[in-house]
């Protein structure tokens, strides 16, 4: 979404963000794809560059629809990734300075393994 918003005027950003979000508010895969097509069609007239960006990222943007509906919210969210990054930052702040890049990699790997096992 940031890539899309960085290519339009600031005044058009909120409108563009809200109509793009409607893609994700659909009840099933069929409606998600239909809404995506409709949004691209609308944006082709007013923002052709944005429509082209969305169309080129279609598979990535709509990948969530291949999963069961109850999982969609977790797939959209970046919260799990943010949680892992926060934990890695917390642990690196405790250690302070790492003697080698491999030491930092081991710590990050340990955090990822721990998160995976939880």
N, C-alpha and C. Protein backbone atom coordinates (compact mmCIF):
# COMPACT_ATOMS: atom_id res chain seq x y z
N UNK A 1 0.83 -1.19 0.00
CA UNK A 1 0.00 0.00 0.00
C UNK A 1 0.87 1.25 0.00
N UNK A 2 2.00 1.19 0.71
CA UNK A 2 2.89 2.36 0.74
C UNK A 2 3.40 2.70 -0.65
N UNK A 3 3.71 1.68 -1.46
CA UNK A 3 4.18 1.93 -2.80
C UNK A 3 3.13 2.66 -3.63
N UNK A 4 1.90 2.26 -3.46
CA UNK A 4 0.81 2.90 -4.20
C UNK A 4 0.67 4.34 -3.75
N UNK A 5 0.62 4.57 -2.45
CA UNK A 5 0.40 5.92 -1.93
C UNK A 5 1.56 6.86 -2.21
N UNK A 6 2.76 6.31 -2.38
CA UNK A 6 3.90 7.18 -2.66
C UNK A 6 3.90 7.67 -4.11
N UNK A 7 3.03 7.13 -4.94
CA UNK A 7 2.96 7.53 -6.34
C UNK A 7 1.76 8.40 -6.67
N UNK A 8 1.07 8.90 -5.65
CA UNK A 8 -0.06 9.80 -5.88
C UNK A 8 0.12 11.05 -5.03
N UNK A 9 -0.64 12.09 -5.38
CA UNK A 9 -0.61 13.30 -4.58
C UNK A 9 -1.15 13.01 -3.18
N UNK A 10 -0.66 13.75 -2.21
CA UNK A 10 -1.09 13.53 -0.83
C UNK A 10 -2.61 13.67 -0.69
N UNK A 11 -3.20 14.57 -1.44
CA UNK A 11 -4.64 14.78 -1.32
C UNK A 11 -5.44 13.58 -1.82
N UNK A 12 -4.88 12.81 -2.75
CA UNK A 12 -5.58 11.64 -3.29
C UNK A 12 -5.34 10.38 -2.45
N UNK A 13 -4.37 10.43 -1.56
CA UNK A 13 -4.00 9.26 -0.76
C UNK A 13 -5.13 8.63 0.03
N UNK A 14 -5.84 9.41 0.86
CA UNK A 14 -6.91 8.81 1.66
C UNK A 14 -8.01 8.16 0.82
N UNK A 15 -8.39 8.80 -0.27
CA UNK A 15 -9.42 8.24 -1.15
C UNK A 15 -8.92 6.93 -1.76
N UNK A 16 -7.71 6.93 -2.24
CA UNK A 16 -7.14 5.75 -2.86
C UNK A 16 -7.00 4.60 -1.86
N UNK A 17 -6.56 4.93 -0.66
CA UNK A 17 -6.41 3.91 0.39
C UNK A 17 -7.76 3.30 0.74
N UNK A 18 -8.79 4.14 0.85
CA UNK A 18 -10.10 3.60 1.26
C UNK A 18 -10.73 2.73 0.17
N UNK A 19 -10.58 3.10 -1.10
CA UNK A 19 -11.19 2.24 -2.12
C UNK A 19 -10.38 0.96 -2.30
N UNK A 20 -9.07 1.02 -2.06
CA UNK A 20 -8.25 -0.18 -2.16
C UNK A 20 -8.58 -1.14 -1.02
N UNK A 21 -8.88 -0.63 0.16
CA UNK A 21 -9.22 -1.48 1.30
C UNK A 21 -10.51 -2.27 1.06
N UNK A 22 -11.37 -1.78 0.19
CA UNK A 22 -12.62 -2.51 -0.07
C UNK A 22 -12.35 -3.88 -0.67
N UNK A 23 -11.20 -4.05 -1.30
CA UNK A 23 -10.84 -5.36 -1.85
C UNK A 23 -10.79 -6.39 -0.74
N UNK A 24 -10.24 -6.00 0.40
CA UNK A 24 -10.03 -6.93 1.50
C UNK A 24 -11.26 -7.11 2.38
N UNK A 25 -12.30 -6.33 2.14
CA UNK A 25 -13.52 -6.40 2.96
C UNK A 25 -14.59 -7.28 2.34
N UNK A 26 -14.22 -8.12 1.42
CA UNK A 26 -15.19 -8.97 0.73
C UNK A 26 -15.36 -10.30 1.47
N UNK A 27 -16.54 -10.94 1.33
CA UNK A 27 -16.83 -12.15 2.11
C UNK A 27 -16.22 -13.45 1.57
N UNK A 28 -15.85 -13.47 0.28
CA UNK A 28 -15.30 -14.71 -0.27
C UNK A 28 -14.37 -14.40 -1.44
N UNK A 29 -13.71 -15.45 -1.91
CA UNK A 29 -12.69 -15.31 -2.96
C UNK A 29 -13.27 -14.70 -4.24
N UNK A 30 -14.44 -15.15 -4.63
CA UNK A 30 -15.07 -14.66 -5.86
C UNK A 30 -15.29 -13.15 -5.80
N UNK A 31 -15.80 -12.68 -4.68
CA UNK A 31 -16.05 -11.25 -4.52
C UNK A 31 -14.75 -10.45 -4.40
N UNK A 32 -13.74 -11.04 -3.79
CA UNK A 32 -12.44 -10.37 -3.69
C UNK A 32 -11.90 -10.09 -5.09
N UNK A 33 -11.91 -11.10 -5.95
CA UNK A 33 -11.40 -10.94 -7.31
C UNK A 33 -12.26 -9.96 -8.12
N UNK A 34 -13.58 -10.03 -7.94
CA UNK A 34 -14.48 -9.11 -8.64
C UNK A 34 -14.23 -7.67 -8.21
N UNK A 35 -14.06 -7.46 -6.91
CA UNK A 35 -13.81 -6.11 -6.40
C UNK A 35 -12.46 -5.59 -6.88
N UNK A 36 -11.46 -6.46 -6.91
CA UNK A 36 -10.14 -6.07 -7.40
C UNK A 36 -10.25 -5.60 -8.85
N UNK A 37 -10.95 -6.36 -9.67
CA UNK A 37 -11.13 -5.99 -11.08
C UNK A 37 -11.84 -4.64 -11.21
N UNK A 38 -12.84 -4.42 -10.38
CA UNK A 38 -13.59 -3.17 -10.40
C UNK A 38 -12.71 -1.99 -10.01
N UNK A 39 -11.90 -2.17 -8.97
CA UNK A 39 -11.01 -1.10 -8.51
C UNK A 39 -9.99 -0.77 -9.59
N UNK A 40 -9.41 -1.78 -10.21
CA UNK A 40 -8.43 -1.55 -11.29
C UNK A 40 -9.11 -0.81 -12.44
N UNK A 41 -10.33 -1.18 -12.76
CA UNK A 41 -11.07 -0.52 -13.85
C UNK A 41 -11.31 0.95 -13.53
N UNK A 42 -11.70 1.24 -12.30
CA UNK A 42 -11.95 2.62 -11.88
C UNK A 42 -10.65 3.43 -11.92
N UNK A 43 -9.58 2.83 -11.38
CA UNK A 43 -8.31 3.55 -11.31
C UNK A 43 -7.64 3.71 -12.67
N UNK A 44 -7.98 2.88 -13.62
CA UNK A 44 -7.41 3.01 -14.96
C UNK A 44 -7.76 4.37 -15.56
N UNK A 45 -8.94 4.86 -15.25
CA UNK A 45 -9.36 6.16 -15.77
C UNK A 45 -8.68 7.32 -15.04
N UNK A 46 -8.64 7.25 -13.72
CA UNK A 46 -8.13 8.39 -12.95
C UNK A 46 -6.65 8.30 -12.61
N UNK A 47 -6.14 7.10 -12.36
CA UNK A 47 -4.74 6.90 -11.97
C UNK A 47 -4.17 5.67 -12.69
N UNK A 48 -3.89 5.80 -13.98
CA UNK A 48 -3.46 4.63 -14.75
C UNK A 48 -2.18 3.97 -14.22
N UNK A 49 -1.26 4.76 -13.69
CA UNK A 49 -0.02 4.19 -13.15
C UNK A 49 -0.32 3.30 -11.94
N UNK A 50 -1.23 3.74 -11.09
CA UNK A 50 -1.60 2.97 -9.90
C UNK A 50 -2.34 1.70 -10.32
N UNK A 51 -3.22 1.81 -11.30
CA UNK A 51 -3.94 0.62 -11.79
C UNK A 51 -2.96 -0.40 -12.33
N UNK A 52 -1.94 0.07 -13.03
CA UNK A 52 -0.93 -0.84 -13.57
C UNK A 52 -0.13 -1.50 -12.44
N UNK A 53 0.19 -0.72 -11.40
CA UNK A 53 0.91 -1.29 -10.25
C UNK A 53 0.09 -2.39 -9.58
N UNK A 54 -1.19 -2.11 -9.37
CA UNK A 54 -2.06 -3.10 -8.73
C UNK A 54 -2.19 -4.35 -9.59
N UNK A 55 -2.37 -4.16 -10.88
CA UNK A 55 -2.53 -5.31 -11.78
C UNK A 55 -1.27 -6.16 -11.81
N UNK A 56 -0.10 -5.52 -11.78
CA UNK A 56 1.14 -6.30 -11.80
C UNK A 56 1.38 -7.05 -10.50
N UNK A 57 0.77 -6.57 -9.42
CA UNK A 57 0.93 -7.23 -8.11
C UNK A 57 -0.29 -8.07 -7.75
N UNK A 58 -1.14 -8.33 -8.71
CA UNK A 58 -2.41 -9.04 -8.47
C UNK A 58 -2.23 -10.33 -7.68
N UNK A 59 -1.34 -11.21 -8.14
CA UNK A 59 -1.16 -12.51 -7.48
C UNK A 59 -0.73 -12.35 -6.03
N UNK A 60 0.18 -11.42 -5.78
CA UNK A 60 0.65 -11.20 -4.41
C UNK A 60 -0.44 -10.59 -3.54
N UNK A 61 -1.16 -9.62 -4.07
CA UNK A 61 -2.19 -8.94 -3.29
C UNK A 61 -3.37 -9.85 -2.94
N UNK A 62 -3.69 -10.76 -3.85
CA UNK A 62 -4.87 -11.61 -3.65
C UNK A 62 -4.52 -13.01 -3.15
N UNK A 63 -3.28 -13.23 -2.78
CA UNK A 63 -2.86 -14.55 -2.31
C UNK A 63 -3.62 -14.98 -1.07
N UNK A 64 -4.00 -14.04 -0.22
CA UNK A 64 -4.72 -14.38 1.01
C UNK A 64 -6.04 -15.10 0.72
N UNK A 65 -6.65 -14.82 -0.43
CA UNK A 65 -7.96 -15.39 -0.75
C UNK A 65 -7.90 -16.89 -1.00
N UNK A 66 -6.72 -17.45 -1.17
CA UNK A 66 -6.59 -18.90 -1.37
C UNK A 66 -6.75 -19.67 -0.07
N UNK A 67 -6.72 -18.97 1.05
CA UNK A 67 -6.84 -19.60 2.37
C UNK A 67 -8.28 -19.50 2.86
N UNK A 68 -8.65 -20.31 3.84
CA UNK A 68 -10.01 -20.22 4.40
C UNK A 68 -10.25 -18.83 5.01
N UNK A 69 -11.47 -18.36 4.89
CA UNK A 69 -11.84 -17.01 5.36
C UNK A 69 -11.40 -16.71 6.81
N UNK A 70 -11.55 -17.64 7.75
CA UNK A 70 -11.15 -17.31 9.13
C UNK A 70 -9.66 -16.94 9.28
N UNK A 71 -8.84 -17.33 8.33
CA UNK A 71 -7.40 -17.04 8.42
C UNK A 71 -7.03 -15.71 7.76
N UNK A 72 -7.92 -15.12 7.03
CA UNK A 72 -7.59 -13.91 6.26
C UNK A 72 -7.04 -12.80 7.13
N UNK A 73 -7.65 -12.55 8.27
CA UNK A 73 -7.23 -11.44 9.12
C UNK A 73 -5.78 -11.61 9.60
N UNK A 74 -5.39 -12.82 9.94
CA UNK A 74 -4.02 -13.07 10.37
C UNK A 74 -3.04 -12.90 9.21
N UNK A 75 -3.47 -13.25 8.02
CA UNK A 75 -2.59 -13.13 6.86
C UNK A 75 -2.36 -11.66 6.51
N UNK A 76 -3.40 -10.83 6.61
CA UNK A 76 -3.26 -9.41 6.29
C UNK A 76 -2.34 -8.71 7.26
N UNK A 77 -2.41 -9.10 8.50
CA UNK A 77 -1.73 -8.38 9.57
C UNK A 77 -0.23 -8.58 9.53
N UNK A 78 0.48 -7.52 9.86
CA UNK A 78 1.93 -7.61 10.01
C UNK A 78 2.30 -7.72 11.49
N UNK A 79 1.31 -7.88 12.36
CA UNK A 79 1.58 -7.95 13.79
C UNK A 79 2.56 -9.05 14.18
N UNK A 80 2.43 -10.28 13.64
CA UNK A 80 3.40 -11.32 14.02
C UNK A 80 4.84 -10.93 13.65
N UNK A 81 5.01 -10.35 12.49
CA UNK A 81 6.35 -9.93 12.08
C UNK A 81 6.86 -8.81 12.97
N UNK A 82 6.00 -7.87 13.29
CA UNK A 82 6.39 -6.78 14.17
C UNK A 82 6.76 -7.30 15.56
N UNK A 83 6.04 -8.30 16.03
CA UNK A 83 6.32 -8.89 17.34
C UNK A 83 7.71 -9.53 17.35
N UNK A 84 8.04 -10.28 16.30
CA UNK A 84 9.35 -10.92 16.20
C UNK A 84 10.45 -9.86 16.14
N UNK A 85 10.25 -8.83 15.32
CA UNK A 85 11.26 -7.77 15.22
C UNK A 85 11.46 -7.06 16.55
N UNK A 86 10.37 -6.84 17.28
CA UNK A 86 10.46 -6.19 18.59
C UNK A 86 11.26 -7.06 19.57
N UNK A 87 11.01 -8.37 19.53
CA UNK A 87 11.74 -9.28 20.43
C UNK A 87 13.22 -9.34 20.08
N UNK A 88 13.55 -9.36 18.79
CA UNK A 88 14.96 -9.34 18.38
C UNK A 88 15.61 -8.05 18.84
N UNK A 89 14.93 -6.92 18.67
CA UNK A 89 15.48 -5.63 19.11
C UNK A 89 15.69 -5.62 20.62
N UNK A 90 14.71 -6.13 21.35
CA UNK A 90 14.83 -6.16 22.81
C UNK A 90 16.06 -6.98 23.24
N UNK A 91 16.23 -8.14 22.61
CA UNK A 91 17.37 -9.00 22.97
C UNK A 91 18.70 -8.39 22.56
N UNK A 92 18.74 -7.74 21.41
CA UNK A 92 20.01 -7.13 20.99
C UNK A 92 20.36 -5.94 21.88
N UNK A 93 19.34 -5.21 22.36
CA UNK A 93 19.60 -4.10 23.28
C UNK A 93 20.19 -4.61 24.59
N UNK A 94 19.75 -5.78 25.04
CA UNK A 94 20.27 -6.36 26.28
C UNK A 94 21.74 -6.72 26.12
N UNK A 95 22.07 -7.36 24.98
CA UNK A 95 23.45 -7.79 24.75
C UNK A 95 24.34 -6.59 24.50
N UNK A 96 23.86 -5.63 23.75
CA UNK A 96 24.65 -4.44 23.47
C UNK A 96 25.49 -4.59 22.21
N UNK A 97 26.71 -5.05 22.37
CA UNK A 97 27.64 -5.17 21.24
C UNK A 97 27.89 -6.64 20.95
N UNK A 98 27.85 -6.98 19.70
CA UNK A 98 28.11 -8.36 19.29
C UNK A 98 29.53 -8.48 18.77
N UNK A 99 30.25 -9.53 19.18
CA UNK A 99 31.64 -9.67 18.76
C UNK A 99 31.79 -9.96 17.26
N UNK A 100 30.81 -10.66 16.69
CA UNK A 100 30.87 -10.99 15.27
C UNK A 100 29.47 -10.96 14.69
N UNK A 101 29.34 -10.80 13.37
CA UNK A 101 28.02 -10.88 12.76
C UNK A 101 27.34 -12.24 12.99
N UNK A 102 28.15 -13.29 13.10
CA UNK A 102 27.59 -14.62 13.34
C UNK A 102 26.88 -14.70 14.69
N UNK A 103 27.39 -13.96 15.68
CA UNK A 103 26.76 -13.95 17.00
C UNK A 103 25.36 -13.32 16.92
N UNK A 104 25.25 -12.24 16.18
CA UNK A 104 23.96 -11.60 15.99
C UNK A 104 23.00 -12.54 15.24
N UNK A 105 23.51 -13.21 14.24
CA UNK A 105 22.70 -14.16 13.47
C UNK A 105 22.21 -15.30 14.35
N UNK A 106 23.06 -15.79 15.24
CA UNK A 106 22.64 -16.87 16.16
C UNK A 106 21.52 -16.40 17.07
N UNK A 107 21.64 -15.18 17.59
CA UNK A 107 20.60 -14.66 18.47
C UNK A 107 19.28 -14.51 17.72
N UNK A 108 19.32 -13.93 16.52
CA UNK A 108 18.10 -13.76 15.73
C UNK A 108 17.51 -15.13 15.37
N UNK A 109 18.35 -16.07 15.02
CA UNK A 109 17.87 -17.43 14.72
C UNK A 109 17.21 -18.07 15.91
N UNK A 110 17.78 -17.87 17.10
CA UNK A 110 17.20 -18.43 18.32
C UNK A 110 15.82 -17.84 18.57
N UNK A 111 15.67 -16.53 18.39
CA UNK A 111 14.37 -15.89 18.59
C UNK A 111 13.34 -16.44 17.60
N UNK A 112 13.75 -16.62 16.35
CA UNK A 112 12.83 -17.15 15.35
C UNK A 112 12.41 -18.58 15.67
N UNK A 113 13.36 -19.40 16.11
CA UNK A 113 13.03 -20.78 16.46
C UNK A 113 12.08 -20.81 17.64
N UNK A 114 12.35 -19.97 18.63
CA UNK A 114 11.48 -19.90 19.81
C UNK A 114 10.07 -19.47 19.43
N UNK A 115 9.95 -18.47 18.56
CA UNK A 115 8.62 -17.99 18.11
C UNK A 115 7.88 -19.09 17.34
N UNK A 116 8.64 -19.84 16.55
CA UNK A 116 8.03 -20.91 15.75
C UNK A 116 7.49 -22.02 16.64
N UNK A 117 8.16 -22.31 17.73
CA UNK A 117 7.77 -23.41 18.62
C UNK A 117 6.63 -23.03 19.55
N UNK A 118 6.34 -21.75 19.67
CA UNK A 118 5.26 -21.32 20.59
C UNK A 118 3.91 -21.53 20.01
